[in-house]
Amino acid sequence: MDAAARYPVEWIDRFQLAGGDWLTLRPVLPQDDALERAFVAQGLTSQSRYLRFQVGLSELPEALTQAFTHIDYHDHFALVAESFAGGQQTQLGDARFVRVGGAPEVAEFGIAVADAWHGLGIGRRLLCLLAAAARAQGVTQLYGDVLRGNAPMLALAQASGFAVQRHPDDARLVRVQRALAAPMTPELIADCA
């Protein structure tokens, strides 16, 4: 993380799931290395890891862990979803965008939710908050490249206003893309509920 980067506290969100569990969504920190690695290795099944990273891996390599947690909050912005159930901090989700080089108003996003927590609205909340943060920072086009067989991600994207399009370079993928409306502020987080 750049020493001049300010931690964006305005994107911290706390919400309650229908079952009563409280979750915190917040921007990632450099000290989240161990949480991020445990999330990928233990929170995601091998199938979920493949759907998210589009390659087979059993854990997050050290270089990728560093890249995921040591960010500048502008060109690379990331949120984690976490639970403190039983007094233990556990990462349940990860959503991030990275600006496309040469086109600062365009960013690619990626998202994953721990398998045991699917279907509870965590992915929808993460994606909504991520889109709001992207737009607040000047991103006007948000897109993701999704494996054709990733039905849950495609359903989430479509429910969140993303159009599904043919991928320009890879027949295994589809591109989900959304134009982001006028700048959103943290006060609009309520729209993510």
N, C-alpha and C. Protein backbone atom coordinates (compact mmCIF):
# COMPACT_ATOMS: atom_id res chain seq x y z
N MET A 1 0.85 -1.18 0.00
CA MET A 1 0.00 0.00 0.00
C MET A 1 0.89 1.23 0.00
N ASP A 2 0.52 2.19 -0.81
CA ASP A 2 1.21 3.46 -0.89
C ASP A 2 1.07 4.17 0.46
N ALA A 3 2.18 4.70 0.97
CA ALA A 3 2.16 5.37 2.27
C ALA A 3 1.21 6.56 2.28
N ALA A 4 0.97 7.15 1.10
CA ALA A 4 0.08 8.31 1.03
C ALA A 4 -1.39 7.92 0.94
N ALA A 5 -1.67 6.64 0.72
CA ALA A 5 -3.06 6.20 0.59
C ALA A 5 -3.78 6.31 1.93
N ARG A 6 -4.97 6.88 1.88
CA ARG A 6 -5.79 7.01 3.08
C ARG A 6 -6.75 5.84 3.13
N TYR A 7 -6.88 5.23 4.32
CA TYR A 7 -7.82 4.13 4.47
C TYR A 7 -9.24 4.68 4.36
N PRO A 8 -10.04 4.18 3.43
CA PRO A 8 -11.37 4.74 3.16
C PRO A 8 -12.44 4.22 4.12
N VAL A 9 -12.46 4.78 5.31
CA VAL A 9 -13.40 4.34 6.35
C VAL A 9 -14.86 4.53 5.95
N GLU A 10 -15.11 5.42 5.00
CA GLU A 10 -16.49 5.67 4.58
C GLU A 10 -17.14 4.46 3.92
N TRP A 11 -16.35 3.45 3.55
CA TRP A 11 -16.90 2.27 2.91
C TRP A 11 -17.04 1.09 3.86
N ILE A 12 -16.99 1.35 5.14
CA ILE A 12 -17.26 0.30 6.13
C ILE A 12 -18.77 0.20 6.32
N ASP A 13 -19.27 -1.02 6.26
CA ASP A 13 -20.71 -1.27 6.37
C ASP A 13 -20.92 -2.46 7.30
N ARG A 14 -21.92 -2.39 8.12
CA ARG A 14 -22.27 -3.51 9.00
C ARG A 14 -23.73 -3.81 8.77
N PHE A 15 -24.04 -5.09 8.57
CA PHE A 15 -25.44 -5.44 8.33
C PHE A 15 -25.75 -6.82 8.90
N GLN A 16 -27.03 -7.06 9.10
CA GLN A 16 -27.50 -8.30 9.70
C GLN A 16 -28.15 -9.17 8.63
N LEU A 17 -27.74 -10.44 8.62
CA LEU A 17 -28.36 -11.41 7.72
C LEU A 17 -29.72 -11.82 8.27
N ALA A 18 -30.55 -12.39 7.43
CA ALA A 18 -31.89 -12.82 7.84
C ALA A 18 -31.84 -13.77 9.03
N GLY A 19 -30.80 -14.60 9.11
CA GLY A 19 -30.67 -15.56 10.21
C GLY A 19 -30.17 -14.96 11.51
N GLY A 20 -29.85 -13.66 11.50
CA GLY A 20 -29.43 -12.98 12.72
C GLY A 20 -27.94 -12.69 12.82
N ASP A 21 -27.11 -13.32 11.97
CA ASP A 21 -25.67 -13.06 12.01
C ASP A 21 -25.37 -11.64 11.54
N TRP A 22 -24.43 -10.98 12.22
CA TRP A 22 -23.97 -9.66 11.82
C TRP A 22 -22.68 -9.82 11.03
N LEU A 23 -22.58 -9.10 9.93
CA LEU A 23 -21.37 -9.10 9.10
C LEU A 23 -20.86 -7.68 8.94
N THR A 24 -19.56 -7.58 8.75
CA THR A 24 -18.92 -6.31 8.46
C THR A 24 -18.33 -6.38 7.07
N LEU A 25 -18.60 -5.37 6.27
CA LEU A 25 -17.94 -5.18 4.98
C LEU A 25 -17.02 -4.00 5.16
N ARG A 26 -15.77 -4.15 4.73
CA ARG A 26 -14.80 -3.07 4.91
C ARG A 26 -13.71 -3.19 3.87
N PRO A 27 -13.02 -2.08 3.59
CA PRO A 27 -11.87 -2.17 2.70
C PRO A 27 -10.78 -3.05 3.31
N VAL A 28 -10.10 -3.78 2.45
CA VAL A 28 -9.04 -4.69 2.89
C VAL A 28 -7.87 -3.89 3.47
N LEU A 29 -7.13 -4.53 4.35
CA LEU A 29 -5.94 -3.93 4.97
C LEU A 29 -4.72 -4.80 4.68
N PRO A 30 -3.51 -4.24 4.71
CA PRO A 30 -2.31 -5.05 4.48
C PRO A 30 -2.18 -6.20 5.47
N GLN A 31 -2.64 -6.03 6.69
CA GLN A 31 -2.52 -7.09 7.69
C GLN A 31 -3.57 -8.20 7.52
N ASP A 32 -4.36 -8.14 6.45
CA ASP A 32 -5.36 -9.17 6.17
C ASP A 32 -4.79 -10.36 5.39
N ASP A 33 -3.47 -10.42 5.23
CA ASP A 33 -2.85 -11.50 4.46
C ASP A 33 -3.35 -12.88 4.90
N ALA A 34 -3.26 -13.17 6.19
CA ALA A 34 -3.64 -14.50 6.69
C ALA A 34 -5.14 -14.76 6.48
N LEU A 35 -5.97 -13.75 6.70
CA LEU A 35 -7.41 -13.90 6.48
C LEU A 35 -7.72 -14.21 5.02
N GLU A 36 -7.06 -13.50 4.12
CA GLU A 36 -7.29 -13.69 2.69
C GLU A 36 -6.86 -15.09 2.25
N ARG A 37 -5.72 -15.53 2.74
CA ARG A 37 -5.23 -16.87 2.39
C ARG A 37 -6.17 -17.95 2.93
N ALA A 38 -6.63 -17.80 4.18
CA ALA A 38 -7.54 -18.78 4.77
C ALA A 38 -8.88 -18.78 4.03
N PHE A 39 -9.35 -17.61 3.64
CA PHE A 39 -10.60 -17.51 2.89
C PHE A 39 -10.53 -18.32 1.60
N VAL A 40 -9.46 -18.14 0.85
CA VAL A 40 -9.33 -18.84 -0.43
C VAL A 40 -9.11 -20.34 -0.21
N ALA A 41 -8.24 -20.71 0.73
CA ALA A 41 -7.88 -22.12 0.92
C ALA A 41 -8.98 -22.92 1.62
N GLN A 42 -9.67 -22.31 2.59
CA GLN A 42 -10.64 -23.06 3.39
C GLN A 42 -12.09 -22.63 3.16
N GLY A 43 -12.30 -21.38 2.79
CA GLY A 43 -13.67 -20.90 2.60
C GLY A 43 -14.25 -21.25 1.24
N LEU A 44 -13.37 -21.44 0.26
CA LEU A 44 -13.82 -21.75 -1.09
C LEU A 44 -13.50 -23.20 -1.44
N THR A 45 -14.44 -23.88 -2.05
CA THR A 45 -14.17 -25.23 -2.54
C THR A 45 -13.28 -25.13 -3.78
N SER A 46 -12.74 -26.24 -4.22
CA SER A 46 -11.90 -26.21 -5.42
C SER A 46 -12.69 -25.69 -6.62
N GLN A 47 -13.97 -26.04 -6.70
CA GLN A 47 -14.81 -25.55 -7.80
C GLN A 47 -14.98 -24.04 -7.71
N SER A 48 -15.22 -23.51 -6.52
CA SER A 48 -15.38 -22.06 -6.35
C SER A 48 -14.09 -21.32 -6.65
N ARG A 49 -12.96 -21.90 -6.24
CA ARG A 49 -11.67 -21.27 -6.56
C ARG A 49 -11.48 -21.21 -8.07
N TYR A 50 -11.85 -22.28 -8.77
CA TYR A 50 -11.72 -22.30 -10.22
C TYR A 50 -12.63 -21.25 -10.87
N LEU A 51 -13.87 -21.17 -10.39
CA LEU A 51 -14.80 -20.19 -10.95
C LEU A 51 -14.32 -18.76 -10.72
N ARG A 52 -13.71 -18.51 -9.57
CA ARG A 52 -13.23 -17.15 -9.27
C ARG A 52 -11.95 -16.80 -10.02
N PHE A 53 -10.98 -17.71 -10.01
CA PHE A 53 -9.66 -17.40 -10.57
C PHE A 53 -9.46 -17.95 -11.98
N GLN A 54 -10.35 -18.83 -12.42
CA GLN A 54 -10.32 -19.42 -13.76
C GLN A 54 -9.07 -20.26 -14.02
N VAL A 55 -8.46 -20.70 -12.93
CA VAL A 55 -7.36 -21.67 -12.97
C VAL A 55 -7.50 -22.54 -11.73
N GLY A 56 -6.89 -23.71 -11.76
CA GLY A 56 -6.92 -24.56 -10.59
C GLY A 56 -5.85 -24.12 -9.60
N LEU A 57 -6.24 -23.85 -8.39
CA LEU A 57 -5.28 -23.56 -7.33
C LEU A 57 -5.88 -24.01 -6.01
N SER A 58 -5.01 -24.41 -5.09
CA SER A 58 -5.50 -24.88 -3.78
C SER A 58 -5.37 -23.80 -2.72
N GLU A 59 -4.51 -22.84 -2.97
CA GLU A 59 -4.36 -21.72 -2.04
C GLU A 59 -3.88 -20.51 -2.83
N LEU A 60 -3.97 -19.36 -2.20
CA LEU A 60 -3.55 -18.12 -2.83
C LEU A 60 -2.03 -18.02 -2.73
N PRO A 61 -1.32 -17.95 -3.85
CA PRO A 61 0.13 -17.81 -3.79
C PRO A 61 0.53 -16.52 -3.05
N GLU A 62 1.69 -16.52 -2.45
CA GLU A 62 2.15 -15.38 -1.64
C GLU A 62 2.14 -14.08 -2.44
N ALA A 63 2.61 -14.10 -3.68
CA ALA A 63 2.65 -12.87 -4.48
C ALA A 63 1.24 -12.33 -4.72
N LEU A 64 0.30 -13.22 -4.98
CA LEU A 64 -1.08 -12.79 -5.19
C LEU A 64 -1.72 -12.31 -3.89
N THR A 65 -1.38 -12.96 -2.79
CA THR A 65 -1.86 -12.50 -1.48
C THR A 65 -1.41 -11.06 -1.23
N GLN A 66 -0.15 -10.79 -1.48
CA GLN A 66 0.37 -9.43 -1.31
C GLN A 66 -0.36 -8.45 -2.24
N ALA A 67 -0.55 -8.85 -3.48
CA ALA A 67 -1.24 -7.98 -4.43
C ALA A 67 -2.69 -7.73 -4.01
N PHE A 68 -3.32 -8.70 -3.39
CA PHE A 68 -4.71 -8.58 -2.95
C PHE A 68 -4.88 -7.72 -1.70
N THR A 69 -3.85 -7.64 -0.87
CA THR A 69 -4.01 -6.94 0.41
C THR A 69 -3.22 -5.64 0.52
N HIS A 70 -2.27 -5.42 -0.33
CA HIS A 70 -1.48 -4.19 -0.32
C HIS A 70 -1.88 -3.37 -1.54
N ILE A 71 -2.96 -2.61 -1.37
CA ILE A 71 -3.58 -1.91 -2.49
C ILE A 71 -3.56 -0.41 -2.24
N ASP A 72 -3.90 0.36 -3.28
CA ASP A 72 -3.86 1.82 -3.14
C ASP A 72 -5.24 2.46 -2.92
N TYR A 73 -6.31 1.67 -2.95
CA TYR A 73 -7.69 2.12 -2.75
C TYR A 73 -8.19 3.06 -3.85
N HIS A 74 -7.43 3.22 -4.92
CA HIS A 74 -7.87 4.05 -6.03
C HIS A 74 -7.85 3.24 -7.33
N ASP A 75 -6.67 2.83 -7.76
CA ASP A 75 -6.57 2.00 -8.96
C ASP A 75 -6.95 0.55 -8.65
N HIS A 76 -6.76 0.15 -7.42
CA HIS A 76 -7.15 -1.19 -6.95
C HIS A 76 -7.86 -0.99 -5.62
N PHE A 77 -9.14 -1.34 -5.60
CA PHE A 77 -9.97 -1.17 -4.41
C PHE A 77 -10.57 -2.53 -4.07
N ALA A 78 -10.54 -2.90 -2.81
CA ALA A 78 -11.08 -4.21 -2.42
C ALA A 78 -11.83 -4.13 -1.10
N LEU A 79 -12.91 -4.90 -1.05
CA LEU A 79 -13.72 -5.04 0.16
C LEU A 79 -13.66 -6.49 0.63
N VAL A 80 -13.70 -6.69 1.93
CA VAL A 80 -13.86 -8.02 2.49
C VAL A 80 -15.13 -8.03 3.31
N ALA A 81 -15.78 -9.19 3.36
CA ALA A 81 -16.92 -9.41 4.24
C ALA A 81 -16.40 -10.32 5.34
N GLU A 82 -16.70 -9.98 6.59
CA GLU A 82 -16.20 -10.79 7.69
C GLU A 82 -17.22 -10.94 8.79
N SER A 83 -17.03 -12.03 9.53
CA SER A 83 -17.88 -12.34 10.68
C SER A 83 -17.00 -12.44 11.91
N PHE A 84 -17.56 -12.10 13.04
CA PHE A 84 -16.86 -12.25 14.31
C PHE A 84 -17.60 -13.21 15.22
N ALA A 85 -18.31 -14.17 14.62
CA ALA A 85 -19.07 -15.15 15.39
C ALA A 85 -18.15 -15.92 16.32
N GLY A 86 -18.59 -16.13 17.54
CA GLY A 86 -17.80 -16.87 18.51
C GLY A 86 -16.50 -16.18 18.88
N GLY A 87 -16.41 -14.87 18.62
CA GLY A 87 -15.20 -14.13 18.95
C GLY A 87 -14.05 -14.37 17.98
N GLN A 88 -14.32 -15.05 16.87
CA GLN A 88 -13.27 -15.34 15.89
C GLN A 88 -13.53 -14.57 14.59
N GLN A 89 -12.52 -13.88 14.10
CA GLN A 89 -12.61 -13.13 12.86
C GLN A 89 -12.46 -14.10 11.69
N THR A 90 -13.47 -14.13 10.81
CA THR A 90 -13.45 -15.02 9.65
C THR A 90 -13.86 -14.24 8.42
N GLN A 91 -13.06 -14.32 7.37
CA GLN A 91 -13.42 -13.67 6.12
C GLN A 91 -14.38 -14.56 5.35
N LEU A 92 -15.50 -13.96 4.91
CA LEU A 92 -16.55 -14.70 4.21
C LEU A 92 -16.68 -14.29 2.74
N GLY A 93 -16.05 -13.20 2.37
CA GLY A 93 -16.18 -12.74 1.00
C GLY A 93 -15.11 -11.74 0.62
N ASP A 94 -14.98 -11.52 -0.67
CA ASP A 94 -13.98 -10.61 -1.21
C ASP A 94 -14.55 -10.05 -2.52
N ALA A 95 -14.47 -8.74 -2.68
CA ALA A 95 -14.89 -8.09 -3.93
C ALA A 95 -13.89 -6.99 -4.20
N ARG A 96 -13.51 -6.84 -5.46
CA ARG A 96 -12.50 -5.85 -5.80
C ARG A 96 -12.68 -5.36 -7.22
N PHE A 97 -12.17 -4.15 -7.46
CA PHE A 97 -12.06 -3.67 -8.83
C PHE A 97 -10.65 -3.16 -9.05
N VAL A 98 -10.22 -3.29 -10.30
CA VAL A 98 -8.91 -2.80 -10.72
C VAL A 98 -9.14 -1.99 -11.99
N ARG A 99 -8.64 -0.75 -11.99
CA ARG A 99 -8.79 0.09 -13.17
C ARG A 99 -7.99 -0.49 -14.33
N VAL A 100 -8.54 -0.34 -15.51
CA VAL A 100 -7.90 -0.82 -16.72
C VAL A 100 -6.87 0.22 -17.15
N GLY A 101 -5.64 -0.22 -17.39
CA GLY A 101 -4.59 0.70 -17.82
C GLY A 101 -4.98 1.46 -19.07
N GLY A 102 -4.74 2.75 -19.06
CA GLY A 102 -5.05 3.57 -20.21
C GLY A 102 -6.50 4.04 -20.27
N ALA A 103 -7.36 3.52 -19.41
CA ALA A 103 -8.77 3.93 -19.38
C ALA A 103 -9.21 4.01 -17.92
N PRO A 104 -8.84 5.08 -17.23
CA PRO A 104 -9.11 5.16 -15.78
C PRO A 104 -10.59 5.15 -15.40
N GLU A 105 -11.47 5.37 -16.38
CA GLU A 105 -12.90 5.34 -16.07
C GLU A 105 -13.49 3.94 -16.20
N VAL A 106 -12.66 2.96 -16.57
CA VAL A 106 -13.10 1.58 -16.75
C VAL A 106 -12.37 0.70 -15.74
N ALA A 107 -13.11 -0.21 -15.10
CA ALA A 107 -12.50 -1.11 -14.12
C ALA A 107 -13.08 -2.51 -14.27
N GLU A 108 -12.23 -3.49 -14.02
CA GLU A 108 -12.64 -4.89 -14.00
C GLU A 108 -12.86 -5.29 -12.55
N PHE A 109 -13.90 -6.08 -12.29
CA PHE A 109 -14.17 -6.52 -10.93
C PHE A 109 -14.10 -8.04 -10.82
N GLY A 110 -13.89 -8.49 -9.59
CA GLY A 110 -13.95 -9.90 -9.24
C GLY A 110 -14.59 -10.02 -7.87
N ILE A 111 -15.27 -11.14 -7.63
CA ILE A 111 -15.98 -11.32 -6.37
C ILE A 111 -16.05 -12.80 -6.04
N ALA A 112 -16.00 -13.10 -4.74
CA ALA A 112 -16.17 -14.48 -4.27
C ALA A 112 -16.78 -14.44 -2.87
N VAL A 113 -17.60 -15.43 -2.59
CA VAL A 113 -18.21 -15.60 -1.26
C VAL A 113 -17.95 -17.04 -0.83
N ALA A 114 -17.59 -17.22 0.43
CA ALA A 114 -17.33 -18.56 0.97
C ALA A 114 -18.54 -19.46 0.71
N ASP A 115 -18.27 -20.69 0.32
CA ASP A 115 -19.34 -21.61 -0.07
C ASP A 115 -20.40 -21.78 1.01
N ALA A 116 -20.01 -21.84 2.25
CA ALA A 116 -20.98 -22.05 3.34
C ALA A 116 -21.91 -20.85 3.52
N TRP A 117 -21.61 -19.74 2.88
CA TRP A 117 -22.39 -18.52 3.05
C TRP A 117 -23.11 -18.09 1.77
N HIS A 118 -23.16 -18.98 0.78
CA HIS A 118 -23.87 -18.66 -0.46
C HIS A 118 -25.37 -18.52 -0.21
N GLY A 119 -26.01 -17.71 -1.02
CA GLY A 119 -27.46 -17.58 -0.98
C GLY A 119 -28.01 -16.71 0.12
N LEU A 120 -27.15 -15.95 0.80
CA LEU A 120 -27.60 -15.12 1.92
C LEU A 120 -27.59 -13.63 1.61
N GLY A 121 -27.25 -13.28 0.38
CA GLY A 121 -27.23 -11.87 -0.02
C GLY A 121 -25.89 -11.18 0.17
N ILE A 122 -24.87 -11.92 0.58
CA ILE A 122 -23.56 -11.32 0.82
C ILE A 122 -22.95 -10.84 -0.50
N GLY A 123 -23.02 -11.68 -1.53
CA GLY A 123 -22.46 -11.29 -2.82
C GLY A 123 -23.14 -10.07 -3.39
N ARG A 124 -24.45 -10.02 -3.27
CA ARG A 124 -25.21 -8.87 -3.77
C ARG A 124 -24.80 -7.60 -3.03
N ARG A 125 -24.66 -7.70 -1.71
CA ARG A 125 -24.27 -6.54 -0.90
C ARG A 125 -22.86 -6.09 -1.26
N LEU A 126 -21.94 -7.05 -1.39
CA LEU A 126 -20.55 -6.72 -1.77
C LEU A 126 -20.51 -6.03 -3.13
N LEU A 127 -21.22 -6.58 -4.10
CA LEU A 127 -21.19 -6.02 -5.45
C LEU A 127 -21.81 -4.63 -5.49
N CYS A 128 -22.88 -4.43 -4.76
CA CYS A 128 -23.52 -3.11 -4.71
C CYS A 128 -22.58 -2.08 -4.09
N LEU A 129 -21.96 -2.42 -2.98
CA LEU A 129 -21.04 -1.50 -2.31
C LEU A 129 -19.81 -1.25 -3.17
N LEU A 130 -19.31 -2.29 -3.83
CA LEU A 130 -18.16 -2.13 -4.71
C LEU A 130 -18.48 -1.19 -5.86
N ALA A 131 -19.65 -1.35 -6.47
CA ALA A 131 -20.06 -0.46 -7.57
C ALA A 131 -20.18 0.98 -7.08
N ALA A 132 -20.72 1.17 -5.88
CA ALA A 132 -20.84 2.52 -5.33
C ALA A 132 -19.46 3.14 -5.11
N ALA A 133 -18.53 2.36 -4.57
CA ALA A 133 -17.17 2.86 -4.35
C ALA A 133 -16.48 3.17 -5.67
N ALA A 134 -16.68 2.31 -6.67
CA ALA A 134 -16.07 2.55 -7.98
C ALA A 134 -16.59 3.85 -8.58
N ARG A 135 -17.90 4.04 -8.53
CA ARG A 135 -18.48 5.25 -9.12
C ARG A 135 -18.04 6.49 -8.38
N ALA A 136 -17.95 6.41 -7.06
CA ALA A 136 -17.50 7.55 -6.26
C ALA A 136 -16.07 7.95 -6.62
N GLN A 137 -15.32 7.01 -7.18
CA GLN A 137 -13.93 7.30 -7.56
C GLN A 137 -13.76 7.53 -9.06
N GLY A 138 -14.85 7.77 -9.77
CA GLY A 138 -14.76 8.15 -11.16
C GLY A 138 -14.88 7.03 -12.18
N VAL A 139 -15.12 5.81 -11.73
CA VAL A 139 -15.31 4.71 -12.67
C VAL A 139 -16.72 4.81 -13.24
N THR A 140 -16.83 4.77 -14.56
CA THR A 140 -18.15 4.85 -15.20
C THR A 140 -18.56 3.55 -15.88
N GLN A 141 -17.61 2.63 -16.07
CA GLN A 141 -17.89 1.31 -16.65
C GLN A 141 -17.23 0.25 -15.78
N LEU A 142 -18.02 -0.70 -15.30
CA LEU A 142 -17.52 -1.80 -14.49
C LEU A 142 -17.83 -3.09 -15.23
N TYR A 143 -16.83 -3.95 -15.38
CA TYR A 143 -17.06 -5.21 -16.08
C TYR A 143 -16.34 -6.35 -15.40
N GLY A 144 -16.79 -7.56 -15.70
CA GLY A 144 -16.14 -8.77 -15.22
C GLY A 144 -16.19 -9.84 -16.28
N ASP A 145 -15.17 -10.66 -16.33
CA ASP A 145 -15.13 -11.79 -17.25
C ASP A 145 -15.47 -13.05 -16.46
N VAL A 146 -16.54 -13.72 -16.85
CA VAL A 146 -17.12 -14.82 -16.08
C VAL A 146 -17.13 -16.08 -16.93
N LEU A 147 -16.75 -17.20 -16.34
CA LEU A 147 -16.86 -18.47 -17.05
C LEU A 147 -18.32 -18.73 -17.41
N ARG A 148 -18.57 -19.22 -18.61
CA ARG A 148 -19.94 -19.47 -19.08
C ARG A 148 -20.74 -20.35 -18.11
N GLY A 149 -20.06 -21.31 -17.48
CA GLY A 149 -20.75 -22.23 -16.58
C GLY A 149 -20.97 -21.72 -15.17
N ASN A 150 -20.60 -20.48 -14.90
CA ASN A 150 -20.74 -19.92 -13.55
C ASN A 150 -22.13 -19.28 -13.41
N ALA A 151 -23.15 -20.13 -13.35
CA ALA A 151 -24.54 -19.66 -13.30
C ALA A 151 -24.83 -18.75 -12.11
N PRO A 152 -24.34 -19.05 -10.89
CA PRO A 152 -24.63 -18.14 -9.77
C PRO A 152 -24.08 -16.73 -9.98
N MET A 153 -22.86 -16.62 -10.53
CA MET A 153 -22.29 -15.29 -10.75
C MET A 153 -23.03 -14.56 -11.86
N LEU A 154 -23.42 -15.28 -12.89
CA LEU A 154 -24.17 -14.64 -13.97
C LEU A 154 -25.53 -14.15 -13.46
N ALA A 155 -26.17 -14.94 -12.62
CA ALA A 155 -27.47 -14.53 -12.05
C ALA A 155 -27.29 -13.30 -11.16
N LEU A 156 -26.23 -13.28 -10.34
CA LEU A 156 -25.96 -12.12 -9.47
C LEU A 156 -25.71 -10.88 -10.32
N ALA A 157 -24.89 -11.02 -11.34
CA ALA A 157 -24.58 -9.87 -12.19
C ALA A 157 -25.85 -9.32 -12.85
N GLN A 158 -26.66 -10.21 -13.42
CA GLN A 158 -27.88 -9.75 -14.08
C GLN A 158 -28.84 -9.10 -13.10
N ALA A 159 -28.97 -9.67 -11.91
CA ALA A 159 -29.85 -9.08 -10.89
C ALA A 159 -29.32 -7.73 -10.41
N SER A 160 -28.03 -7.49 -10.60
CA SER A 160 -27.41 -6.23 -10.18
C SER A 160 -27.28 -5.23 -11.33
N GLY A 161 -27.97 -5.50 -12.43
CA GLY A 161 -28.01 -4.54 -13.53
C GLY A 161 -26.91 -4.68 -14.57
N PHE A 162 -26.15 -5.76 -14.53
CA PHE A 162 -25.10 -5.97 -15.52
C PHE A 162 -25.68 -6.67 -16.75
N ALA A 163 -25.26 -6.24 -17.92
CA ALA A 163 -25.64 -6.89 -19.17
C ALA A 163 -24.63 -8.00 -19.45
N VAL A 164 -25.10 -9.13 -19.96
CA VAL A 164 -24.23 -10.24 -20.32
C VAL A 164 -23.95 -10.16 -21.81
N GLN A 165 -22.66 -10.15 -22.15
CA GLN A 165 -22.27 -10.01 -23.54
C GLN A 165 -21.26 -11.08 -23.93
N ARG A 166 -21.12 -11.29 -25.18
CA ARG A 166 -20.11 -12.18 -25.70
C ARG A 166 -18.73 -11.64 -25.33
N HIS A 167 -17.83 -12.51 -24.91
CA HIS A 167 -16.47 -12.06 -24.58
C HIS A 167 -15.72 -11.78 -25.88
N PRO A 168 -14.94 -10.70 -25.93
CA PRO A 168 -14.27 -10.35 -27.18
C PRO A 168 -13.13 -11.30 -27.58
N ASP A 169 -12.57 -12.05 -26.63
CA ASP A 169 -11.37 -12.84 -26.95
C ASP A 169 -11.42 -14.31 -26.57
N ASP A 170 -12.36 -14.72 -25.72
CA ASP A 170 -12.31 -16.07 -25.17
C ASP A 170 -13.70 -16.69 -25.15
N ALA A 171 -13.89 -17.78 -25.90
CA ALA A 171 -15.20 -18.42 -26.00
C ALA A 171 -15.62 -19.09 -24.70
N ARG A 172 -14.68 -19.35 -23.77
CA ARG A 172 -15.03 -19.95 -22.47
C ARG A 172 -15.72 -18.96 -21.55
N LEU A 173 -15.59 -17.67 -21.86
CA LEU A 173 -16.05 -16.61 -20.98
C LEU A 173 -17.19 -15.81 -21.59
N VAL A 174 -17.92 -15.14 -20.72
CA VAL A 174 -18.83 -14.07 -21.13
C VAL A 174 -18.40 -12.83 -20.35
N ARG A 175 -18.74 -11.69 -20.87
CA ARG A 175 -18.41 -10.44 -20.18
C ARG A 175 -19.70 -9.86 -19.62
N VAL A 176 -19.68 -9.53 -18.34
CA VAL A 176 -20.80 -8.81 -17.73
C VAL A 176 -20.33 -7.37 -17.56
N GLN A 177 -21.18 -6.44 -17.95
CA GLN A 177 -20.76 -5.04 -17.96
C GLN A 177 -21.92 -4.15 -17.54
N ARG A 178 -21.57 -3.09 -16.84
CA ARG A 178 -22.60 -2.15 -16.37
C ARG A 178 -22.04 -0.74 -16.39
N ALA A 179 -22.82 0.18 -16.92
CA ALA A 179 -22.50 1.60 -16.82
C ALA A 179 -22.93 2.04 -15.42
N LEU A 180 -22.07 2.79 -14.76
CA LEU A 180 -22.39 3.26 -13.41
C LEU A 180 -22.98 4.66 -13.50
N ALA A 181 -24.07 4.86 -12.80
CA ALA A 181 -24.80 6.13 -12.82
C ALA A 181 -23.99 7.23 -12.13
N ALA A 182 -24.61 8.35 -11.94
CA ALA A 182 -23.98 9.49 -11.28
C ALA A 182 -23.32 9.04 -9.98
N PRO A 183 -22.29 9.77 -9.56
CA PRO A 183 -21.54 9.34 -8.37
C PRO A 183 -22.43 8.97 -7.20
N MET A 184 -22.08 7.84 -6.60
CA MET A 184 -22.80 7.37 -5.42
C MET A 184 -21.96 7.70 -4.20
N THR A 185 -22.60 7.93 -3.11
CA THR A 185 -21.90 8.24 -1.87
C THR A 185 -22.22 7.18 -0.84
N PRO A 186 -21.45 7.14 0.24
CA PRO A 186 -21.73 6.14 1.27
C PRO A 186 -23.15 6.20 1.82
N GLU A 187 -23.79 7.36 1.73
CA GLU A 187 -25.18 7.47 2.21
C GLU A 187 -26.11 6.58 1.39
N LEU A 188 -25.70 6.24 0.18
CA LEU A 188 -26.55 5.42 -0.69
C LEU A 188 -26.37 3.93 -0.40
N ILE A 189 -25.56 3.58 0.58
CA ILE A 189 -25.38 2.17 0.95
C ILE A 189 -26.72 1.55 1.29
N ALA A 190 -27.63 2.33 1.82
CA ALA A 190 -28.95 1.81 2.17
C ALA A 190 -29.61 1.16 0.96
N ASP A 191 -29.27 1.65 -0.24
CA ASP A 191 -29.83 1.04 -1.45
C ASP A 191 -29.33 -0.38 -1.67
N CYS A 192 -28.24 -0.75 -1.01
CA CYS A 192 -27.66 -2.08 -1.16
C CYS A 192 -28.37 -3.09 -0.27
N ALA A 193 -29.17 -2.63 0.66
CA ALA A 193 -29.82 -3.54 1.62
C ALA A 193 -30.88 -4.39 0.97
